[in-house]
Amino acid sequence: MVAIEQAVPGEAAMQPFEIPASQPGVLLVDDDARNLYALESLLQSEAYTISTAQNGNEALLALMNREFAVIILDVAMPELNGIDLARLIKQHRRTRNIPIIFLTAHYLEDQHAILAYDVGAVDYLTKPVNPTVLRSKVNVFVDLFRKTRALTEMNATLEAQNSALQREAEERMRRIKAEAARAEAEAANAAKDRFLAMLSHELRTPLTPIIYAVALLEKDPNCPGHVREAAATIRRNVAAETRLIDDLLDLARIRSGKLTLEKESTDAHAILREAMDICFGDAGQGMPKRSEQLRADNTRLEADPARLRQVFCNLLSNALKFTPVEGTVFIRTANSGDWLQVEVSDTGAGIDPHKLNSIFDAFEQAAAARPSSAGLGLGLAICKALVDLHDGTIEARSAGLGAGASFIVKLPCSGSAAAIGRDAPDLAEESRPRPVRILLVDDHADTLESLRSLLAREGHEVRTAATISQALEVAETYEFEILISDIGLPDGEGTQLLARLKSARNP
């Protein structure tokens, strides 16, 4: 049964709603119900649905509710004739492309045809109409409607696919740019780390002979007192400069993943006391008070003693740096399960709460109370890296500027407190090492001579060389016991020298 849609007169002002239509629609408009019935009977088909209207308002309401493949429109109608209705239909964007076939029983060919085609009609037929011709024309427009709708849907699908492909391409390009930026940043960081390592090495090279020369002066019993005091001043400042350079080297090693630990069974309290002796001994007279509460029972760790001492020294130096003379630095230890907790607190400048999350970043300054002594801001970053390598944690706490700060290090214990006394060696009973024969290789003349003099002062027999080839020549006639060599030499690396010496001794 073919569906018939009857438009309701007087409802043109109602809110339009979309009627879903899986088939194309054909709209018949005629003021004579008999003509409508005849046309409807004539055009009945399963290929489309038919809607009818008896005046212009009903036709416009039907057009608002659905799409049509073609409109068959009577010319002569009361109130709004077919020509005027067609003109209204063509004025609206939604309906302007619907084909209109005019039907008329009053044939005035020239006048009506011109008006019909002028308002956009595609055909003009007179009544009585030839059924075959009318059905053929309707079928053509229905087929065109189907193809147009299919093409529109295909275009919409292609547009959606193109949009998806465009988004995918943009996302791929974004990822490529992000990866390129990340690779560029990593390359820049690697270049920066190589530069820092090279710069640190070059800065440290001229400091080495200064340290050796100062050591020789301090060991000379004939050195005048005022010279000895000047040498001590030089030593302290060179040591401070060396620590800054060491921090740069450590940072470069950390970022390149080349920092390694030499772990051994270690007494954390012994290392902590050494760090306190170093830091409070270097601080001079005007320093804050020290309060110790070393209450941990299990202090045995599997740790690198030198790196652990570095962590404690950095935390103590940081506390001394930002604590006034009338303040106090607290050093506390305790056990929490199988963990050793070491806390270094102070009553100094404190930390801005907004910086607590970034305090362990490289070049980040803890406080601005004493900017002249703030340093490079590397100590805490290195501390965190070293603690992480020891499978521990480090945390900073502060109530704000002027409220002091606390740094808490937690490290896993490795043994019981009772084992400490049995296993710890008595270093005080170690005898002074015997003199040995040393081959010293370094291309920096001042370093070579200063170190040779220092070793000779200690009673050792020393031969020197500035290059690999010179060292090999010396080794042919000199039976040395210890090789001390710089890594970078003019004709190769120290590791190459070591390999060639081993090969020469074990052919």
Protein backbone atom coordinates (compact mmCIF):
# COMPACT_ATOMS: atom_id res chain seq x y z
CA MET A 1 0.00 0.00 0.00
CA VAL A 2 1.42 3.36 -0.98
CA ALA A 3 1.68 5.85 1.90
CA ILE A 4 -0.31 9.05 1.47
CA GLU A 5 0.62 12.11 3.54
CA GLN A 6 -2.14 14.74 3.86
CA ALA A 7 -0.98 18.20 4.91
CA VAL A 8 -3.20 19.85 7.54
CA PRO A 9 -4.57 23.28 6.56
CA GLY A 10 -3.90 26.18 8.89
CA GLU A 11 -0.78 24.65 10.54
CA ALA A 12 1.84 26.45 8.46
CA ALA A 13 2.96 28.44 11.52
CA MET A 14 3.61 25.29 13.58
CA GLN A 15 7.15 24.32 14.54
CA PRO A 16 8.40 22.08 11.70
CA PHE A 17 9.77 18.62 12.44
CA GLU A 18 11.75 16.25 10.27
CA ILE A 19 9.93 13.12 9.08
CA PRO A 20 12.40 10.34 8.39
CA ALA A 21 11.99 9.10 4.84
CA SER A 22 13.88 6.09 3.56
CA GLN A 23 12.26 6.51 0.13
CA PRO A 24 12.09 9.60 -2.07
CA GLY A 25 8.91 11.63 -1.86
CA VAL A 26 6.67 13.11 -4.57
CA LEU A 27 4.48 16.11 -3.68
CA LEU A 28 1.18 16.60 -5.58
CA VAL A 29 -0.42 20.05 -5.26
CA ASP A 30 -3.89 20.71 -6.71
CA ASP A 31 -6.97 22.47 -5.33
CA ASP A 32 -9.29 19.83 -6.84
CA ALA A 33 -9.45 16.65 -4.70
CA ARG A 34 -10.50 14.62 -7.73
CA ASN A 35 -7.37 15.64 -9.62
CA LEU A 36 -5.27 14.70 -6.61
CA TYR A 37 -6.88 11.30 -6.39
CA ALA A 38 -6.39 10.73 -10.09
CA LEU A 39 -2.75 11.75 -10.00
CA GLU A 40 -2.14 9.68 -6.89
CA SER A 41 -3.66 6.61 -8.52
CA LEU A 42 -1.71 7.23 -11.67
CA LEU A 43 1.67 7.60 -9.95
CA GLN A 44 1.41 4.93 -7.26
CA SER A 45 4.74 3.09 -7.02
CA GLU A 46 6.84 1.19 -4.48
CA ALA A 47 9.83 3.31 -5.52
CA TYR A 48 8.60 6.44 -3.73
CA THR A 49 5.95 7.83 -1.38
CA ILE A 50 3.33 10.41 -2.30
CA SER A 51 2.21 13.46 -0.34
CA THR A 52 -0.69 15.70 -1.32
CA ALA A 53 -1.67 19.31 -0.70
CA GLN A 54 -4.77 21.27 -1.85
CA ASN A 55 -3.36 24.78 -1.44
CA GLY A 56 -0.13 26.67 -1.10
CA ASN A 57 -0.02 26.65 2.73
CA GLU A 58 -0.41 22.88 2.88
CA ALA A 59 2.31 22.50 0.27
CA LEU A 60 4.71 24.77 2.19
CA LEU A 61 4.03 22.86 5.44
CA ALA A 62 4.75 19.56 3.67
CA LEU A 63 8.00 20.99 2.29
CA MET A 64 9.05 22.01 5.79
CA ASN A 65 8.58 18.45 7.09
CA ARG A 66 10.53 16.40 4.55
CA GLU A 67 12.46 16.34 1.30
CA PHE A 68 10.90 15.66 -2.08
CA ALA A 69 12.34 14.38 -5.31
CA VAL A 70 9.83 16.32 -7.46
CA ILE A 71 6.77 18.57 -7.11
CA ILE A 72 3.79 18.30 -9.47
CA LEU A 73 2.05 21.63 -9.19
CA ASP A 74 -1.26 22.92 -10.56
CA VAL A 75 -1.04 26.40 -12.03
CA ALA A 76 -4.51 27.70 -11.23
CA MET A 77 -5.29 27.61 -7.48
CA PRO A 78 -7.20 30.01 -5.20
CA GLU A 79 -5.37 32.41 -2.84
CA LEU A 80 -1.84 31.34 -3.89
CA ASN A 81 -1.54 30.16 -7.47
CA GLY A 82 1.06 27.71 -8.71
CA ILE A 83 3.34 30.36 -10.22
CA ASP A 84 3.54 32.35 -6.96
CA LEU A 85 3.97 29.16 -4.90
CA ALA A 86 6.82 28.06 -7.16
CA ARG A 87 8.42 31.46 -6.74
CA LEU A 88 8.29 31.06 -2.90
CA ILE A 89 9.72 27.54 -3.14
CA LYS A 90 12.66 28.74 -5.22
CA GLN A 91 13.44 31.55 -2.78
CA HIS A 92 14.35 29.16 0.09
CA ARG A 93 17.75 27.48 0.18
CA ARG A 94 16.33 24.16 1.36
CA THR A 95 13.75 23.81 -1.45
CA ARG A 96 15.17 25.82 -4.33
CA ASN A 97 16.64 22.77 -6.08
CA ILE A 98 13.47 20.63 -6.04
CA PRO A 99 12.29 20.07 -9.66
CA ILE A 100 8.78 21.44 -10.36
CA ILE A 101 6.47 20.09 -13.07
CA PHE A 102 3.51 22.34 -13.80
CA LEU A 103 0.06 20.93 -14.77
CA THR A 104 -2.76 23.07 -16.10
CA ALA A 105 -6.19 22.54 -17.61
CA HIS A 106 -6.22 26.07 -19.03
CA TYR A 107 -3.73 26.06 -21.84
CA LEU A 108 -2.29 29.43 -22.62
CA GLU A 109 1.02 28.15 -23.96
CA ASP A 110 3.00 31.30 -24.37
CA GLN A 111 1.88 33.14 -21.26
CA HIS A 112 1.87 30.21 -18.78
CA ALA A 113 4.92 28.46 -20.17
CA ILE A 114 7.04 31.61 -20.01
CA LEU A 115 5.95 32.29 -16.43
CA ALA A 116 6.52 28.66 -15.41
CA TYR A 117 10.00 28.46 -16.80
CA ASP A 118 10.76 31.92 -15.46
CA VAL A 119 10.14 30.79 -11.87
CA GLY A 120 12.32 27.67 -12.30
CA ALA A 121 10.01 24.91 -13.51
CA VAL A 122 11.61 21.98 -15.29
CA ASP A 123 8.56 21.03 -17.30
CA TYR A 124 5.06 22.23 -18.25
CA LEU A 125 2.26 19.72 -19.01
CA THR A 126 -1.39 20.18 -19.86
CA LYS A 127 -4.35 18.18 -18.68
CA PRO A 128 -5.34 15.54 -19.46
CA VAL A 129 -1.77 14.33 -19.07
CA ASN A 130 -0.29 11.32 -20.74
CA PRO A 131 0.20 8.77 -17.87
CA THR A 132 3.25 7.16 -19.42
CA VAL A 133 4.97 10.48 -19.98
CA LEU A 134 4.20 11.72 -16.44
CA ARG A 135 5.36 8.49 -14.81
CA SER A 136 8.51 8.53 -16.92
CA LYS A 137 9.33 12.10 -15.92
CA VAL A 138 8.66 11.41 -12.22
CA ASN A 139 10.81 8.28 -12.32
CA VAL A 140 13.67 10.27 -13.86
CA PHE A 141 13.58 12.83 -11.06
CA VAL A 142 13.18 10.15 -8.37
CA ASP A 143 16.22 8.32 -9.73
CA LEU A 144 18.15 11.60 -9.88
CA PHE A 145 17.15 12.31 -6.28
CA ARG A 146 18.40 8.90 -5.17
CA LYS A 147 21.71 9.34 -6.94
CA THR A 148 22.10 12.89 -5.62
CA ARG A 149 21.38 11.73 -2.07
CA ALA A 150 23.79 8.80 -2.44
CA LEU A 151 26.43 11.18 -3.78
CA THR A 152 25.80 13.57 -0.89
CA GLU A 153 26.15 10.75 1.61
CA MET A 154 29.30 9.56 -0.13
CA ASN A 155 30.71 13.08 -0.06
CA ALA A 156 29.87 13.34 3.64
CA THR A 157 31.58 10.00 4.27
CA LEU A 158 34.61 11.07 2.25
CA GLU A 159 34.69 14.40 4.06
CA ALA A 160 34.56 12.60 7.42
CA GLN A 161 37.32 10.26 6.28
CA ASN A 162 39.35 13.18 5.00
CA SER A 163 38.87 14.96 8.31
CA ALA A 164 39.94 11.83 10.17
CA LEU A 165 42.97 11.45 7.90
CA GLN A 166 43.78 15.13 8.36
CA ARG A 167 43.57 14.77 12.13
CA GLU A 168 45.68 11.64 11.96
CA ALA A 169 48.23 13.40 9.77
CA GLU A 170 48.28 16.38 12.12
CA GLU A 171 48.69 14.07 15.12
CA ARG A 172 51.47 12.18 13.33
CA MET A 173 53.16 15.46 12.46
CA ARG A 174 52.77 16.62 16.05
CA ARG A 175 54.38 13.40 17.29
CA ILE A 176 57.18 13.72 14.74
CA LYS A 177 57.81 17.30 15.79
CA ALA A 178 57.65 16.32 19.46
CA GLU A 179 60.07 13.44 18.89
CA ALA A 180 62.37 15.71 16.89
CA ALA A 181 62.22 18.35 19.62
CA ARG A 182 62.89 15.70 22.27
CA ALA A 183 65.81 14.30 20.26
CA GLU A 184 67.14 17.81 19.75
CA ALA A 185 66.80 18.54 23.47
CA GLU A 186 68.50 15.26 24.36
CA ALA A 187 71.31 16.03 21.92
CA ALA A 188 71.63 19.52 23.38
CA ASN A 189 71.71 18.07 26.91
CA ALA A 190 74.30 15.51 25.86
CA ALA A 191 76.41 18.23 24.26
CA LYS A 192 76.03 20.35 27.38
CA ASP A 193 77.05 17.45 29.60
CA ARG A 194 80.10 16.74 27.41
CA PHE A 195 80.98 20.41 27.57
CA LEU A 196 80.60 20.44 31.36
CA ALA A 197 82.78 17.35 31.68
CA MET A 198 85.45 18.80 29.41
CA LEU A 199 85.26 22.21 31.08
CA SER A 200 85.48 20.67 34.53
CA HIS A 201 88.52 18.64 33.53
CA GLU A 202 90.24 21.64 32.01
CA LEU A 203 89.44 23.79 35.05
CA ARG A 204 90.72 21.17 37.45
CA THR A 205 94.00 20.55 35.64
CA PRO A 206 95.69 23.83 36.70
CA LEU A 207 94.36 23.42 40.26
CA THR A 208 96.18 20.12 40.74
CA PRO A 209 99.73 21.55 40.85
CA ILE A 210 98.51 24.32 43.17
CA ILE A 211 97.21 21.72 45.62
CA TYR A 212 100.45 19.74 45.43
CA ALA A 213 102.59 22.87 45.82
CA VAL A 214 100.59 23.97 48.87
CA ALA A 215 100.95 20.49 50.36
CA LEU A 216 104.71 20.69 49.89
CA LEU A 217 104.83 24.09 51.62
CA GLU A 218 102.74 22.87 54.55
CA LYS A 219 104.97 19.81 54.97
CA ASP A 220 108.18 21.84 54.84
CA PRO A 221 109.40 22.27 58.47
CA ASN A 222 111.42 25.34 57.44
CA CYS A 223 108.38 27.19 56.04
CA PRO A 224 107.80 30.55 57.88
CA GLY A 225 104.54 30.94 59.80
CA HIS A 226 103.10 33.69 57.62
CA VAL A 227 103.79 31.62 54.49
CA ARG A 228 102.15 28.61 56.12
CA GLU A 229 99.04 30.73 56.88
CA ALA A 230 98.94 31.96 53.29
CA ALA A 231 99.29 28.38 52.07
CA ALA A 232 96.38 27.33 54.30
CA THR A 233 94.23 30.11 52.81
CA ILE A 234 95.16 28.99 49.32
CA ARG A 235 94.38 25.37 50.20
CA ARG A 236 90.92 26.21 51.59
CA ASN A 237 89.92 28.27 48.56
CA VAL A 238 91.33 25.79 46.07
CA ALA A 239 89.45 23.04 47.90
CA ALA A 240 86.23 25.07 47.60
CA GLU A 241 86.87 25.61 43.89
CA THR A 242 87.64 21.93 43.45
CA ARG A 243 84.35 20.99 45.10
CA LEU A 244 82.45 23.18 42.62
CA ILE A 245 84.27 21.55 39.72
CA ASP A 246 83.64 18.09 41.19
CA ASP A 247 79.95 18.95 41.38
CA LEU A 248 79.95 19.83 37.67
CA LEU A 249 81.72 16.56 36.86
CA ASP A 250 79.30 14.57 39.00
CA LEU A 251 76.32 16.25 37.35
CA ALA A 252 77.69 15.35 33.91
CA ARG A 253 78.25 11.73 35.02
CA ILE A 254 74.76 11.51 36.51
CA ARG A 255 73.05 12.82 33.40
CA SER A 256 75.05 10.53 31.13
CA GLY A 257 74.43 7.50 33.37
CA LYS A 258 78.16 7.01 33.95
CA LEU A 259 78.18 7.57 37.71
CA THR A 260 78.81 4.23 39.41
CA LEU A 261 79.10 3.20 43.04
CA GLU A 262 81.75 1.05 44.73
CA LYS A 263 79.64 -0.42 47.50
CA GLU A 264 80.99 -2.11 50.60
CA SER A 265 79.83 -2.79 54.13
CA THR A 266 79.88 0.65 55.76
CA ASP A 267 79.13 2.15 59.17
CA ALA A 268 76.88 5.13 58.48
CA HIS A 269 77.65 6.75 61.87
CA ALA A 270 81.38 6.66 61.15
CA ILE A 271 80.82 8.28 57.74
CA LEU A 272 78.47 10.87 59.29
CA ARG A 273 81.02 11.79 61.96
CA GLU A 274 83.71 12.20 59.31
CA ALA A 275 81.39 14.53 57.39
CA MET A 276 80.70 16.55 60.54
CA ASP A 277 84.43 16.87 61.25
CA ILE A 278 85.04 18.06 57.71
CA CYS A 279 82.18 20.58 57.56
CA PHE A 280 82.37 22.02 61.05
CA GLY A 281 86.15 22.01 60.91
CA ASP A 282 86.13 24.03 57.67
CA ALA A 283 83.52 26.48 58.92
CA GLY A 284 85.90 28.34 61.23
CA GLN A 285 85.03 30.05 64.49
CA GLY A 286 81.84 31.92 63.65
CA MET A 287 79.53 28.97 63.07
CA PRO A 288 76.14 27.77 64.32
CA LYS A 289 75.90 25.36 67.24
CA ARG A 290 75.80 21.64 66.53
CA SER A 291 73.36 19.27 68.19
CA GLU A 292 73.86 15.52 67.70
CA GLN A 293 71.28 12.84 68.46
CA LEU A 294 72.70 9.67 66.86
CA ARG A 295 70.22 7.15 68.24
CA ALA A 296 70.15 4.54 65.48
CA ASP A 297 71.23 1.05 66.56
CA ASN A 298 71.58 -0.53 63.13
CA THR A 299 73.87 1.68 61.04
CA ARG A 300 75.37 -0.94 58.75
CA LEU A 301 74.84 -0.18 55.05
CA GLU A 302 75.93 -1.58 51.72
CA ALA A 303 77.12 1.75 50.37
CA ASP A 304 79.89 3.65 48.65
CA PRO A 305 81.62 5.39 51.59
CA ALA A 306 82.96 8.27 49.51
CA ARG A 307 79.59 8.99 47.91
CA LEU A 308 77.75 8.62 51.20
CA ARG A 309 80.19 11.07 52.80
CA GLN A 310 79.51 13.42 49.87
CA VAL A 311 75.76 13.30 50.59
CA PHE A 312 76.24 14.06 54.29
CA CYS A 313 78.79 16.81 53.59
CA ASN A 314 76.47 18.48 51.07
CA LEU A 315 73.54 18.46 53.50
CA LEU A 316 75.68 19.76 56.40
CA SER A 317 77.32 22.43 54.25
CA ASN A 318 73.91 23.52 53.01
CA ALA A 319 72.64 23.81 56.61
CA LEU A 320 75.72 25.81 57.69
CA LYS A 321 75.44 28.06 54.64
CA PHE A 322 71.92 29.24 55.43
CA THR A 323 72.00 29.21 59.25
CA PRO A 324 73.12 32.33 61.18
CA VAL A 325 75.86 32.12 63.81
CA GLU A 326 73.32 32.18 66.63
CA GLY A 327 71.37 29.30 65.06
CA THR A 328 71.67 25.55 65.47
CA VAL A 329 72.24 22.62 63.13
CA PHE A 330 70.68 19.34 64.30
CA ILE A 331 71.98 15.94 63.21
CA ARG A 332 69.71 13.02 64.13
CA THR A 333 69.64 9.32 63.26
CA ALA A 334 67.08 6.63 63.99
CA ASN A 335 65.96 3.24 62.74
CA SER A 336 62.58 2.60 61.19
CA GLY A 337 62.26 -1.12 60.59
CA ASP A 338 65.08 -2.12 58.25
CA TRP A 339 65.79 1.49 57.31
CA LEU A 340 68.28 4.01 58.65
CA GLN A 341 66.97 7.57 58.81
CA VAL A 342 69.42 10.48 58.86
CA GLU A 343 67.99 13.96 59.42
CA VAL A 344 69.89 17.25 59.05
CA SER A 345 67.82 20.20 60.30
CA ASP A 346 68.60 23.85 60.92
CA THR A 347 67.07 27.04 62.26
CA GLY A 348 68.16 29.07 59.25
CA ALA A 349 66.68 30.79 56.22
CA GLY A 350 64.12 28.11 55.40
CA ILE A 351 62.66 27.23 52.01
CA ASP A 352 59.84 28.84 50.07
CA PRO A 353 56.99 26.23 50.08
CA HIS A 354 56.59 26.73 46.32
CA LYS A 355 60.19 25.50 45.82
CA LEU A 356 59.93 22.30 47.83
CA ASN A 357 58.94 20.33 44.73
CA SER A 358 61.89 21.66 42.71
CA ILE A 359 64.53 21.93 45.43
CA PHE A 360 66.37 18.85 44.11
CA ASP A 361 66.56 20.17 40.53
CA ALA A 362 69.98 21.14 39.23
CA PHE A 363 70.86 24.84 39.58
CA GLU A 364 67.85 25.43 41.85
CA GLN A 365 68.62 27.70 44.84
CA ALA A 366 67.17 26.75 48.21
CA ALA A 367 66.88 30.27 49.56
CA ALA A 368 67.87 33.84 48.79
CA ALA A 369 68.91 34.85 52.26
CA ARG A 370 72.62 34.81 51.45
CA PRO A 371 72.94 34.90 47.66
CA SER A 372 76.66 35.56 47.81
CA SER A 373 77.21 32.06 49.18
CA ALA A 374 74.42 30.27 47.36
CA GLY A 375 76.78 28.38 45.04
CA LEU A 376 75.72 26.71 41.82
CA GLY A 377 72.71 24.91 43.24
CA LEU A 378 74.07 21.46 42.36
CA GLY A 379 74.58 19.94 45.81
CA LEU A 380 71.00 18.83 46.46
CA ALA A 381 70.54 17.51 42.91
CA ILE A 382 73.67 15.39 43.35
CA CYS A 383 72.50 14.27 46.80
CA LYS A 384 69.22 13.00 45.39
CA ALA A 385 70.95 11.16 42.54
CA LEU A 386 73.40 9.49 44.95
CA VAL A 387 70.65 8.54 47.40
CA ASP A 388 68.60 7.07 44.54
CA LEU A 389 71.60 5.00 43.46
CA HIS A 390 71.75 3.65 47.03
CA ASP A 391 68.05 2.63 46.74
CA GLY A 392 67.12 5.26 49.32
CA THR A 393 64.94 8.36 49.50
CA ILE A 394 65.55 11.99 50.38
CA GLU A 395 62.91 14.54 51.39
CA ALA A 396 62.98 18.28 52.10
CA ARG A 397 60.67 19.92 54.65
CA SER A 398 60.23 23.54 55.68
CA ALA A 399 57.48 25.66 57.19
CA GLY A 400 58.56 28.58 54.99
CA LEU A 401 61.14 31.33 54.72
CA GLY A 402 62.80 32.06 58.06
CA ALA A 403 61.48 28.83 59.61
CA GLY A 404 64.50 26.59 59.00
CA ALA A 405 64.65 23.43 56.92
CA SER A 406 65.00 19.67 57.35
CA PHE A 407 66.46 17.11 54.97
CA ILE A 408 65.64 13.46 55.71
CA VAL A 409 67.60 10.64 54.10
CA LYS A 410 66.37 7.03 54.36
CA LEU A 411 68.71 4.18 53.43
CA PRO A 412 68.22 0.39 53.65
CA CYS A 413 70.27 -1.31 56.36
CA SER A 414 72.37 -4.36 55.55
CA GLY A 415 73.16 -5.94 58.94
CA SER A 416 72.76 -5.84 62.70
CA ALA A 417 74.45 -3.41 65.06
CA ALA A 418 76.31 -6.26 66.76
CA ALA A 419 78.15 -7.08 63.55
CA ILE A 420 79.62 -3.60 63.32
CA GLY A 421 82.11 -4.00 66.15
CA ARG A 422 83.27 -7.43 65.01
CA ASP A 423 83.75 -6.57 61.34
CA ALA A 424 85.02 -3.00 61.40
CA PRO A 425 88.80 -2.82 60.86
CA ASP A 426 91.01 -0.82 63.23
CA LEU A 427 92.41 1.76 60.83
CA ALA A 428 94.49 3.37 63.55
CA GLU A 429 96.67 0.29 63.74
CA GLU A 430 97.53 0.32 60.05
CA SER A 431 101.19 0.97 59.48
CA ARG A 432 102.57 3.56 57.13
CA PRO A 433 102.91 2.13 53.58
CA ARG A 434 106.41 1.20 52.44
CA PRO A 435 108.14 3.19 49.70
CA VAL A 436 107.28 1.99 46.19
CA ARG A 437 108.56 2.54 42.66
CA ILE A 438 106.10 4.70 40.68
CA LEU A 439 105.78 5.57 37.00
CA LEU A 440 104.01 8.94 36.78
CA VAL A 441 102.55 9.99 33.40
CA ASP A 442 100.94 13.41 32.76
CA ASP A 443 101.31 15.94 29.95
CA HIS A 444 100.69 18.92 32.27
CA ALA A 445 104.20 19.93 33.34
CA ASP A 446 103.25 21.69 36.59
CA THR A 447 101.05 18.81 37.71
CA LEU A 448 103.76 16.30 36.82
CA GLU A 449 106.48 18.10 38.77
CA SER A 450 104.32 18.94 41.82
CA LEU A 451 103.04 15.37 42.17
CA ARG A 452 106.55 13.97 41.65
CA SER A 453 107.91 16.21 44.40
CA LEU A 454 105.08 15.28 46.77
CA LEU A 455 105.54 11.54 46.20
CA ALA A 456 109.31 11.83 46.49
CA ARG A 457 108.89 13.73 49.78
CA GLU A 458 106.96 10.70 51.05
CA GLY A 459 109.97 8.50 50.24
CA HIS A 460 108.76 6.95 46.99
CA GLU A 461 110.94 6.46 43.88
CA VAL A 462 109.32 8.24 40.96
CA ARG A 463 110.02 8.28 37.20
CA THR A 464 108.01 10.60 34.94
CA ALA A 465 106.79 10.72 31.35
CA ALA A 466 104.59 13.14 29.41
CA THR A 467 103.35 10.82 26.63
CA ILE A 468 102.57 7.16 26.00
CA SER A 469 105.71 6.71 23.92
CA GLN A 470 107.90 8.21 26.66
CA ALA A 471 106.22 6.01 29.27
CA LEU A 472 106.88 2.89 27.19
CA GLU A 473 110.55 3.86 26.83
CA VAL A 474 110.88 4.35 30.61
CA ALA A 475 109.11 1.04 31.24
CA GLU A 476 111.70 -0.84 29.17
CA THR A 477 114.40 -0.18 31.80
CA TYR A 478 112.41 0.74 34.93
CA GLU A 479 110.69 -1.93 37.01
CA PHE A 480 107.86 0.15 38.50
CA GLU A 481 105.24 -1.16 40.94
CA ILE A 482 102.54 1.48 40.51
CA LEU A 483 101.39 3.37 37.42
CA ILE A 484 99.75 6.79 37.91
CA SER A 485 98.55 8.17 34.58
CA ASP A 486 96.32 10.93 33.27
CA ILE A 487 93.49 9.71 31.03
CA GLY A 488 94.03 12.24 28.28
CA LEU A 489 97.53 12.21 26.80
CA PRO A 490 98.84 13.81 23.57
CA ASP A 491 99.31 10.49 21.75
CA GLY A 492 96.42 8.48 23.20
CA GLU A 493 94.59 7.63 26.40
CA GLY A 494 95.82 6.30 29.73
CA THR A 495 93.80 3.12 29.23
CA GLN A 496 95.72 2.44 26.00
CA LEU A 497 99.00 2.90 27.86
CA LEU A 498 97.88 0.42 30.51
CA ALA A 499 96.92 -2.15 27.86
CA ARG A 500 100.27 -1.82 26.07
CA LEU A 501 102.21 -2.12 29.32
CA LYS A 502 100.28 -5.27 30.25
CA SER A 503 100.92 -6.69 26.78
CA ALA A 504 104.64 -5.93 27.06
CA ARG A 505 104.89 -7.65 30.47
CA ASN A 506 102.77 -10.65 29.37
CA PRO A 507 103.70 -11.29 25.73
